[in-house]
Amino acid sequence: MTQDFFMSSKMFDELRKEISKIKVISCLIQKDSKKIFEYYKNPKAKTNLQKINSCTKSFTSALVGICWDKGLLDVHTPISEYFSDILIKEQDYRKQKITIEHLLTMSAGFDWPEFEEWNYFSPMIYSPDIVKFILKRELKTNPGEKMNYNSGCTHLLGAIIQQVVGNKVDDFAQEVLFSPLGITEYKWYEIQGQSLTADGLRLKADDMIKLGTLYLN
């Protein structure tokens, strides 16, 4: 496929036609730092904040990286440093070896059937203490041994960020990530006094592409 074909209006017309048939709210394509295609289901889709679900995790991991760069944490640090009141009571000594890196790579080892019996939705959201719910899950594998999709890991990252910065995650994000990227409108839902760092962020599609550009650069 030549570059001329890739950039052709005919191809974009076909793309627009096809995605209009399915449940796509918005679609943006950027090349060489310039948007070359925009599709919105309706005018409101361009201006409204959209629920980005687990894409929230990418913003959370970026904030962890910023904390690391600022010397506020080290990804090799065991999470027992932040949740000692809970983990000190756990009999499985392996939990003491779980690090921030294991949370980032979802390799902490917890028995977490998010894509199995839980059917893509973790019951942690209904727990009176979400952090405790996550940390008290049994370990199915040793930390670092195997990746298993775990939204609980990302929620723990949010709790750690909040501890090390001494502020709510969304306020920290506004200061060190959103504002520098020119993201002025967003909504980050909270639960139990903490931002839902696994799936609670709402953004405009035009602002989502800014994070992609950041990493591309």
Protein backbone atom coordinates (compact mmCIF):
# COMPACT_ATOMS: atom_id res chain seq x y z
CA MET A 1 0.00 0.00 0.00
CA THR A 2 1.56 3.31 -1.06
CA GLN A 3 1.60 6.44 1.04
CA ASP A 4 -0.54 8.17 -1.59
CA PHE A 5 -3.25 5.55 -1.16
CA PHE A 6 -3.01 5.74 2.62
CA MET A 7 -3.57 9.48 2.47
CA SER A 8 -6.29 9.36 -0.18
CA SER A 9 -9.67 10.88 0.52
CA LYS A 10 -11.28 7.83 -1.07
CA MET A 11 -9.84 5.57 1.59
CA PHE A 12 -11.01 7.88 4.36
CA ASP A 13 -14.47 8.08 2.83
CA GLU A 14 -14.65 4.29 2.90
CA LEU A 15 -13.44 4.22 6.49
CA ARG A 16 -16.02 6.79 7.54
CA LYS A 17 -18.74 4.81 5.83
CA GLU A 18 -17.79 1.54 7.51
CA ILE A 19 -17.35 2.82 11.06
CA SER A 20 -20.65 4.69 10.87
CA LYS A 21 -22.33 1.28 10.69
CA ILE A 22 -20.98 0.11 14.05
CA LYS A 23 -20.87 1.40 17.61
CA VAL A 24 -17.89 3.73 17.25
CA ILE A 25 -18.31 7.06 19.01
CA SER A 26 -15.18 8.69 17.65
CA CYS A 27 -12.11 7.86 15.61
CA LEU A 28 -9.05 10.04 15.11
CA ILE A 29 -5.96 9.30 13.06
CA GLN A 30 -2.78 11.31 13.40
CA LYS A 31 0.34 11.24 11.23
CA ASP A 32 3.48 13.29 11.72
CA SER A 33 1.84 15.20 14.59
CA LYS A 34 -1.10 16.21 12.39
CA LYS A 35 -4.63 14.85 12.49
CA ILE A 36 -5.50 13.50 9.08
CA PHE A 37 -8.87 11.94 9.91
CA GLU A 38 -11.68 12.68 12.37
CA TYR A 39 -14.96 10.86 12.81
CA TYR A 40 -17.63 11.54 15.40
CA LYS A 41 -20.94 9.71 15.69
CA ASN A 42 -22.68 13.03 16.30
CA PRO A 43 -21.72 16.64 17.17
CA LYS A 44 -21.92 15.97 20.92
CA ALA A 45 -19.38 13.16 20.63
CA LYS A 46 -16.74 15.75 19.81
CA THR A 47 -17.42 18.04 22.77
CA ASN A 48 -18.65 15.62 25.44
CA LEU A 49 -16.36 13.84 27.87
CA GLN A 50 -16.31 10.15 27.00
CA LYS A 51 -15.82 7.27 29.40
CA ILE A 52 -12.50 5.73 28.39
CA ASN A 53 -12.76 2.70 30.69
CA SER A 54 -9.46 0.83 31.02
CA CYS A 55 -7.57 3.36 28.91
CA THR A 56 -7.50 5.14 32.27
CA LYS A 57 -4.75 2.70 33.23
CA SER A 58 -2.39 4.27 30.69
CA PHE A 59 -2.75 7.66 32.37
CA THR A 60 -2.21 6.07 35.78
CA SER A 61 0.99 4.34 34.68
CA ALA A 62 2.21 7.64 33.23
CA LEU A 63 1.69 9.24 36.63
CA VAL A 64 3.69 6.45 38.27
CA GLY A 65 6.51 7.20 35.84
CA ILE A 66 6.37 10.88 36.70
CA CYS A 67 6.51 10.04 40.42
CA TRP A 68 9.55 7.87 39.76
CA ASP A 69 11.22 10.63 37.77
CA LYS A 70 10.59 13.05 40.65
CA GLY A 71 12.15 10.63 43.11
CA LEU A 72 8.89 10.08 44.97
CA LEU A 73 8.99 6.32 44.50
CA ASP A 74 10.98 3.47 42.97
CA VAL A 75 9.16 0.82 40.98
CA HIS A 76 11.30 -1.88 42.59
CA THR A 77 10.00 -1.00 46.05
CA PRO A 78 7.82 -3.67 47.73
CA ILE A 79 4.25 -2.46 48.14
CA SER A 80 4.38 -3.56 51.80
CA GLU A 81 6.01 -0.18 52.36
CA TYR A 82 2.66 1.45 51.54
CA PHE A 83 0.21 -1.12 52.89
CA SER A 84 2.05 -2.51 55.90
CA ASP A 85 -1.03 -2.33 58.14
CA ILE A 86 -2.76 -4.89 55.93
CA LEU A 87 0.09 -7.01 54.62
CA ILE A 88 1.73 -7.51 58.02
CA LYS A 89 -1.25 -9.68 58.96
CA GLU A 90 -1.05 -11.85 55.82
CA GLN A 91 0.33 -15.35 56.28
CA ASP A 92 1.50 -15.74 52.68
CA TYR A 93 5.04 -14.32 52.86
CA ARG A 94 5.12 -13.98 49.05
CA LYS A 95 2.92 -10.90 49.30
CA GLN A 96 5.85 -9.10 50.94
CA LYS A 97 7.73 -9.51 47.65
CA ILE A 98 5.13 -7.79 45.45
CA THR A 99 6.62 -4.59 44.02
CA ILE A 100 5.24 -1.55 42.24
CA GLU A 101 6.66 -3.01 39.03
CA HIS A 102 4.54 -6.13 39.55
CA LEU A 103 1.47 -3.91 39.82
CA LEU A 104 2.41 -2.06 36.62
CA THR A 105 2.88 -5.32 34.72
CA MET A 106 -0.12 -7.02 36.38
CA SER A 107 2.12 -9.82 37.53
CA ALA A 108 1.49 -9.55 41.28
CA GLY A 109 0.14 -13.10 41.29
CA PHE A 110 -3.30 -12.52 42.82
CA ASP A 111 -6.14 -14.92 42.05
CA TRP A 112 -8.06 -12.44 39.93
CA PRO A 113 -10.51 -13.96 37.37
CA GLU A 114 -11.47 -10.62 35.82
CA PHE A 115 -11.78 -12.08 32.32
CA GLU A 116 -13.19 -15.38 33.57
CA GLU A 117 -15.92 -15.85 36.17
CA TRP A 118 -16.08 -12.12 36.92
CA ASN A 119 -16.95 -11.44 33.27
CA TYR A 120 -14.80 -8.31 32.82
CA PHE A 121 -16.03 -6.57 35.98
CA SER A 122 -14.27 -6.86 39.33
CA PRO A 123 -16.45 -7.13 42.46
CA MET A 124 -13.89 -5.01 44.30
CA ILE A 125 -16.06 -2.02 43.46
CA TYR A 126 -18.69 -3.28 45.91
CA SER A 127 -16.25 -3.84 48.76
CA PRO A 128 -16.37 -1.48 51.78
CA ASP A 129 -12.55 -1.35 51.59
CA ILE A 130 -11.27 -1.86 48.05
CA VAL A 131 -7.57 -1.80 48.92
CA LYS A 132 -8.04 -4.48 51.56
CA PHE A 133 -10.17 -6.55 49.19
CA ILE A 134 -7.34 -6.58 46.63
CA LEU A 135 -4.51 -7.28 49.04
CA LYS A 136 -6.36 -10.11 50.76
CA ARG A 137 -6.91 -12.06 47.54
CA GLU A 138 -4.97 -15.32 47.55
CA LEU A 139 -1.87 -15.60 45.41
CA LYS A 140 -2.29 -17.97 42.50
CA THR A 141 1.29 -17.56 41.23
CA ASN A 142 4.51 -16.10 42.58
CA PRO A 143 4.98 -12.34 42.08
CA GLY A 144 6.56 -11.62 38.71
CA GLU A 145 5.88 -15.11 37.38
CA LYS A 146 2.87 -14.51 35.16
CA MET A 147 0.78 -11.65 33.80
CA ASN A 148 -2.93 -11.77 34.61
CA TYR A 149 -5.22 -8.84 33.80
CA ASN A 150 -5.99 -7.17 37.11
CA SER A 151 -7.72 -3.82 37.55
CA GLY A 152 -7.02 -4.15 41.26
CA CYS A 153 -3.30 -3.69 40.58
CA THR A 154 -3.99 -0.32 38.98
CA HIS A 155 -6.23 0.73 41.86
CA LEU A 156 -3.35 -0.01 44.24
CA LEU A 157 -1.09 2.16 42.08
CA GLY A 158 -3.54 5.00 42.57
CA ALA A 159 -3.44 4.50 46.33
CA ILE A 160 0.36 4.59 46.25
CA ILE A 161 0.43 7.76 44.13
CA GLN A 162 -1.94 9.43 46.57
CA GLN A 163 0.35 8.51 49.47
CA VAL A 164 3.60 9.72 47.91
CA VAL A 165 2.27 13.01 46.53
CA GLY A 166 0.04 13.77 49.52
CA ASN A 167 -2.80 14.76 47.23
CA LYS A 168 -5.59 13.24 45.19
CA VAL A 169 -4.53 11.58 41.96
CA ASP A 170 -6.66 13.80 39.74
CA ASP A 171 -5.19 16.97 41.29
CA PHE A 172 -1.68 15.61 40.79
CA ALA A 173 -2.55 14.63 37.21
CA GLN A 174 -3.82 18.13 36.51
CA GLU A 175 -0.53 19.61 37.67
CA VAL A 176 2.01 17.27 36.06
CA LEU A 177 0.23 15.67 33.10
CA PHE A 178 -3.04 17.23 31.98
CA SER A 179 -1.96 20.87 32.13
CA PRO A 180 1.34 20.31 30.28
CA LEU A 181 -0.54 18.38 27.58
CA GLY A 182 -3.19 21.09 27.25
CA ILE A 183 -6.00 18.92 28.63
CA THR A 184 -8.39 21.35 30.31
CA GLU A 185 -11.60 19.34 30.57
CA TYR A 186 -11.83 15.95 32.27
CA LYS A 187 -13.70 14.04 34.93
CA TRP A 188 -12.04 11.48 37.19
CA TYR A 189 -14.53 9.63 39.32
CA GLU A 190 -13.71 8.72 42.90
CA ILE A 191 -14.61 5.99 45.33
CA GLN A 192 -13.73 5.80 49.02
CA GLY A 193 -11.73 9.02 48.75
CA GLN A 194 -9.56 7.83 45.87
CA SER A 195 -9.66 8.36 42.13
CA LEU A 196 -10.75 5.28 40.20
CA THR A 197 -7.37 4.82 38.57
CA ALA A 198 -8.34 1.61 36.77
CA ASP A 199 -11.30 2.87 34.75
CA GLY A 200 -12.79 6.10 36.10
CA LEU A 201 -11.48 8.75 33.72
CA ARG A 202 -13.57 10.65 31.17
CA LEU A 203 -11.91 12.65 28.40
CA LYS A 204 -12.50 14.02 24.96
CA ALA A 205 -11.16 11.90 22.12
CA ASP A 206 -9.05 14.86 20.99
CA ASP A 207 -7.31 14.83 24.38
CA MET A 208 -6.74 11.08 24.39
CA ILE A 209 -4.61 11.38 21.29
CA LYS A 210 -2.35 13.79 23.20
CA LEU A 211 -1.18 10.97 25.47
CA GLY A 212 -0.42 8.82 22.44
CA THR A 213 1.57 11.67 20.94
CA LEU A 214 3.49 12.10 24.19
CA TYR A 215 4.62 8.48 24.14
CA LEU A 216 5.31 8.52 20.40
CA ASN A 217 7.65 11.44 20.92
